[in-house]
Amino acid sequence: MHSASDVFSDTQASGQSPRSKKLQNRGGKKSNEVKRSRKLSVAGDVSEDDAASTSSTPKKAGKDSKKRKGEESTPSAPAKQENAVCVKKAKTAKDNAKDLALCGVILSELETHEDAWPFLLPVNLKLVPGYKKVIKKPMDFSTIREKLGSNQYQNLEAFIVDVKLVFDNCETFNEDDSEIGRAGHNMRRCFERRWTELFKAN
């Protein structure tokens, strides 16, 4: 057994009394509790920040959905442009039909002209053997009539090309002062005059 003097000496040696040790232990517990409370408060702050961030995300989603709706509504503009193009095509087709009707009128006048006889039918290659060597693309009124009746002309420009080809072939193969040559010049002047008169009137 230790005597009271021994206990006293022990406390003096350590510099602390049993009571002071108890106070230190209590102080340590308090500091630990303070640390725990701080940790809990920090965790609470973090959780509040997370909640705030999660609550703010639906607003962004709402904006994105509005943007998507706006993007989906934009294709109406190209649809209007397509409708305008269709209307233009319909108008041009109608105009072409009117022009081609005038082509038929002009062709009928050319066919009944007194100088039209060399150009009514294709050139007979047996009677004119050298024609094919000189003229690479023959053309005549009957061929133009057939193309016009079968809707092979998409516009009046194509019709004009073939009619002028008849007269160009005539000038290439025949002399200007020959009977057929003079007929070709007369027919060209007739065609150009009637073409100008009809299209000015319309």
Protein backbone atom coordinates (compact mmCIF):
# COMPACT_ATOMS: atom_id res chain seq x y z
CA MET A 1 0.00 0.00 0.00
CA HIS A 2 1.10 3.52 -0.76
CA SER A 3 1.07 6.05 1.96
CA ALA A 4 -0.44 9.50 1.65
CA SER A 5 2.99 10.97 1.42
CA ASP A 6 3.75 8.77 -1.53
CA VAL A 7 0.59 9.93 -3.39
CA PHE A 8 1.38 13.53 -2.67
CA SER A 9 4.90 13.08 -3.92
CA ASP A 10 3.59 11.54 -7.12
CA THR A 11 1.31 14.42 -7.81
CA GLN A 12 4.05 16.89 -7.14
CA ALA A 13 6.35 15.02 -9.50
CA SER A 14 3.85 15.12 -12.34
CA GLY A 15 2.95 18.74 -11.60
CA GLN A 16 -0.77 18.01 -11.85
CA SER A 17 -3.37 17.08 -9.31
CA PRO A 18 -6.09 14.44 -9.94
CA ARG A 19 -8.63 17.25 -10.08
CA SER A 20 -6.77 19.07 -12.82
CA LYS A 21 -6.62 15.88 -14.84
CA LYS A 22 -10.40 15.57 -14.65
CA LEU A 23 -10.76 19.14 -15.89
CA GLN A 24 -8.44 18.43 -18.78
CA ASN A 25 -10.43 15.36 -19.70
CA ARG A 26 -13.64 17.39 -19.64
CA GLY A 27 -12.00 20.10 -21.75
CA GLY A 28 -10.88 17.50 -24.28
CA LYS A 29 -14.39 16.16 -24.57
CA LYS A 30 -15.73 19.66 -25.16
CA SER A 31 -13.18 20.35 -27.88
CA ASN A 32 -14.07 17.08 -29.54
CA GLU A 33 -17.75 18.00 -29.44
CA VAL A 34 -16.96 21.41 -30.95
CA LYS A 35 -15.04 19.72 -33.79
CA ARG A 36 -17.90 17.34 -34.40
CA SER A 37 -20.40 20.19 -34.48
CA ARG A 38 -18.19 22.04 -36.98
CA LYS A 39 -18.03 18.96 -39.18
CA LEU A 40 -21.78 18.61 -39.03
CA SER A 41 -22.25 22.27 -39.89
CA VAL A 42 -19.87 21.96 -42.85
CA ALA A 43 -21.71 18.87 -44.02
CA GLY A 44 -24.96 20.76 -43.66
CA ASP A 45 -23.60 23.61 -45.76
CA VAL A 46 -22.51 21.20 -48.43
CA SER A 47 -25.87 19.51 -48.48
CA GLU A 48 -27.60 22.90 -48.76
CA ASP A 49 -25.31 23.83 -51.68
CA ASP A 50 -26.11 20.52 -53.36
CA ALA A 51 -29.80 21.12 -52.86
CA ALA A 52 -29.47 24.61 -54.31
CA SER A 53 -27.57 23.31 -57.32
CA THR A 54 -30.09 20.57 -57.93
CA SER A 55 -32.96 23.01 -57.55
CA SER A 56 -31.35 25.35 -60.09
CA THR A 57 -30.89 22.70 -62.79
CA PRO A 58 -34.57 22.38 -63.77
CA LYS A 59 -34.55 26.06 -64.74
CA LYS A 60 -31.81 25.39 -67.28
CA ALA A 61 -33.72 22.40 -68.56
CA GLY A 62 -36.74 24.64 -69.03
CA LYS A 63 -34.69 27.07 -71.12
CA ASP A 64 -33.31 24.20 -73.19
CA SER A 65 -36.81 22.91 -73.82
CA LYS A 66 -37.88 26.38 -74.98
CA LYS A 67 -34.90 26.50 -77.35
CA ARG A 68 -35.79 23.08 -78.75
CA LYS A 69 -39.38 24.17 -79.32
CA GLY A 70 -38.10 27.24 -81.12
CA GLU A 71 -35.82 25.13 -83.30
CA GLU A 72 -38.65 22.75 -84.14
CA SER A 73 -40.88 25.63 -85.20
CA THR A 74 -38.32 27.09 -87.67
CA PRO A 75 -38.88 24.60 -90.59
CA SER A 76 -42.05 26.50 -91.52
CA ALA A 77 -39.94 29.04 -93.44
CA PRO A 78 -38.47 26.50 -95.92
CA ALA A 79 -41.96 25.13 -96.45
CA LYS A 80 -43.12 28.59 -97.57
CA GLN A 81 -40.16 28.83 -99.94
CA GLU A 82 -41.02 25.44 -101.45
CA ASN A 83 -44.60 26.59 -102.02
CA ALA A 84 -43.33 29.73 -103.76
CA VAL A 85 -41.11 27.62 -106.02
CA CYS A 86 -44.06 25.38 -106.92
CA VAL A 87 -46.15 28.43 -107.82
CA LYS A 88 -43.34 29.76 -110.04
CA LYS A 89 -43.03 26.40 -111.79
CA ALA A 90 -46.78 26.30 -112.41
CA LYS A 91 -46.69 29.81 -113.87
CA THR A 92 -43.79 29.01 -116.19
CA ALA A 93 -45.49 25.82 -117.40
CA LYS A 94 -48.63 27.83 -118.18
CA ASP A 95 -46.61 30.46 -120.02
CA ASN A 96 -44.76 27.78 -122.00
CA ALA A 97 -48.05 26.24 -123.10
CA LYS A 98 -49.20 29.64 -124.36
CA ASP A 99 -45.91 30.22 -126.19
CA LEU A 100 -45.99 26.79 -127.81
CA ALA A 101 -49.51 27.47 -129.05
CA LEU A 102 -48.14 30.54 -130.83
CA CYS A 103 -45.39 28.35 -132.27
CA GLY A 104 -48.06 26.20 -133.88
CA VAL A 105 -49.65 29.29 -135.43
CA ILE A 106 -46.34 30.46 -136.89
CA LEU A 107 -45.47 27.01 -138.20
CA SER A 108 -48.84 26.81 -140.01
CA GLU A 109 -48.13 30.15 -141.70
CA LEU A 110 -44.67 28.98 -142.75
CA GLU A 111 -46.04 25.76 -144.20
CA THR A 112 -48.55 27.63 -146.35
CA HIS A 113 -46.05 30.17 -147.63
CA GLU A 114 -45.44 30.12 -151.40
CA ASP A 115 -41.69 29.59 -150.89
CA ALA A 116 -42.06 26.78 -148.34
CA TRP A 117 -41.96 23.90 -150.85
CA PRO A 118 -38.21 23.08 -150.44
CA PHE A 119 -38.61 22.81 -146.65
CA LEU A 120 -41.86 20.93 -146.14
CA LEU A 121 -40.24 17.45 -146.09
CA PRO A 122 -36.77 16.05 -145.31
CA VAL A 123 -34.23 16.29 -148.15
CA ASN A 124 -34.24 13.16 -150.30
CA LEU A 125 -30.72 11.80 -149.90
CA LYS A 126 -31.04 9.68 -153.06
CA LEU A 127 -31.74 12.74 -155.15
CA VAL A 128 -29.12 14.83 -153.33
CA PRO A 129 -26.35 12.36 -152.44
CA GLY A 130 -23.85 14.91 -151.17
CA TYR A 131 -26.29 16.56 -148.73
CA LYS A 132 -25.46 14.38 -145.73
CA LYS A 133 -21.74 15.08 -146.03
CA VAL A 134 -22.29 18.84 -145.80
CA ILE A 135 -25.31 19.08 -143.43
CA LYS A 136 -24.70 17.26 -140.16
CA LYS A 137 -28.12 17.97 -138.63
CA PRO A 138 -30.97 18.10 -141.20
CA MET A 139 -34.26 19.79 -140.27
CA ASP A 140 -37.55 20.49 -142.05
CA PHE A 141 -41.08 21.70 -141.29
CA SER A 142 -42.65 18.24 -141.08
CA THR A 143 -40.11 17.17 -138.44
CA ILE A 144 -40.81 20.36 -136.46
CA ARG A 145 -44.56 19.69 -136.72
CA GLU A 146 -44.08 16.16 -135.40
CA LYS A 147 -41.94 17.35 -132.45
CA LEU A 148 -44.43 20.09 -131.62
CA GLY A 149 -47.35 17.65 -131.66
CA SER A 150 -45.55 15.16 -129.38
CA ASN A 151 -44.58 17.85 -126.84
CA GLN A 152 -40.86 17.49 -127.47
CA TYR A 153 -40.35 21.26 -127.21
CA GLN A 154 -40.07 22.35 -123.58
CA ASN A 155 -40.08 26.05 -124.48
CA LEU A 156 -40.27 28.38 -127.47
CA GLU A 157 -36.49 28.80 -127.59
CA ALA A 158 -36.10 25.16 -128.64
CA PHE A 159 -38.69 25.70 -131.37
CA ILE A 160 -36.86 28.77 -132.67
CA VAL A 161 -33.59 26.83 -132.83
CA ASP A 162 -35.10 24.20 -135.13
CA VAL A 163 -36.80 26.72 -137.42
CA LYS A 164 -33.59 28.71 -137.83
CA LEU A 165 -31.73 25.46 -138.45
CA VAL A 166 -33.89 24.90 -141.55
CA PHE A 167 -32.80 28.23 -143.02
CA ASP A 168 -29.16 27.89 -141.90
CA ASN A 169 -28.90 24.51 -143.65
CA CYS A 170 -30.39 26.04 -146.76
CA GLU A 171 -27.81 28.83 -146.83
CA THR A 172 -24.97 26.38 -146.17
CA PHE A 173 -25.84 23.99 -148.98
CA ASN A 174 -27.38 26.28 -151.60
CA GLU A 175 -26.13 29.34 -153.44
CA ASP A 176 -27.78 32.63 -152.49
CA ASP A 177 -28.89 33.36 -156.04
CA SER A 178 -30.29 29.83 -156.60
CA GLU A 179 -34.04 29.19 -156.52
CA ILE A 180 -33.88 27.30 -153.25
CA GLY A 181 -31.41 29.81 -151.82
CA ARG A 182 -33.76 32.72 -152.54
CA ALA A 183 -36.67 30.76 -151.08
CA GLY A 184 -34.70 30.20 -147.89
CA HIS A 185 -33.98 33.95 -147.48
CA ASN A 186 -37.62 34.82 -148.08
CA MET A 187 -38.81 32.26 -145.52
CA ARG A 188 -36.35 33.51 -142.89
CA ARG A 189 -37.59 37.11 -143.29
CA CYS A 190 -41.20 35.93 -143.09
CA PHE A 191 -40.52 33.96 -139.92
CA GLU A 192 -38.73 36.81 -138.15
CA ARG A 193 -41.44 39.32 -139.08
CA ARG A 194 -44.36 37.17 -137.95
CA TRP A 195 -42.56 36.14 -134.79
CA THR A 196 -42.04 39.77 -133.78
CA GLU A 197 -45.66 40.71 -134.62
CA LEU A 198 -47.22 37.87 -132.65
CA PHE A 199 -45.12 38.27 -129.52
CA LYS A 200 -45.52 42.05 -129.42
CA ALA A 201 -49.29 41.55 -129.55
CA ASN A 202 -49.13 39.06 -126.69
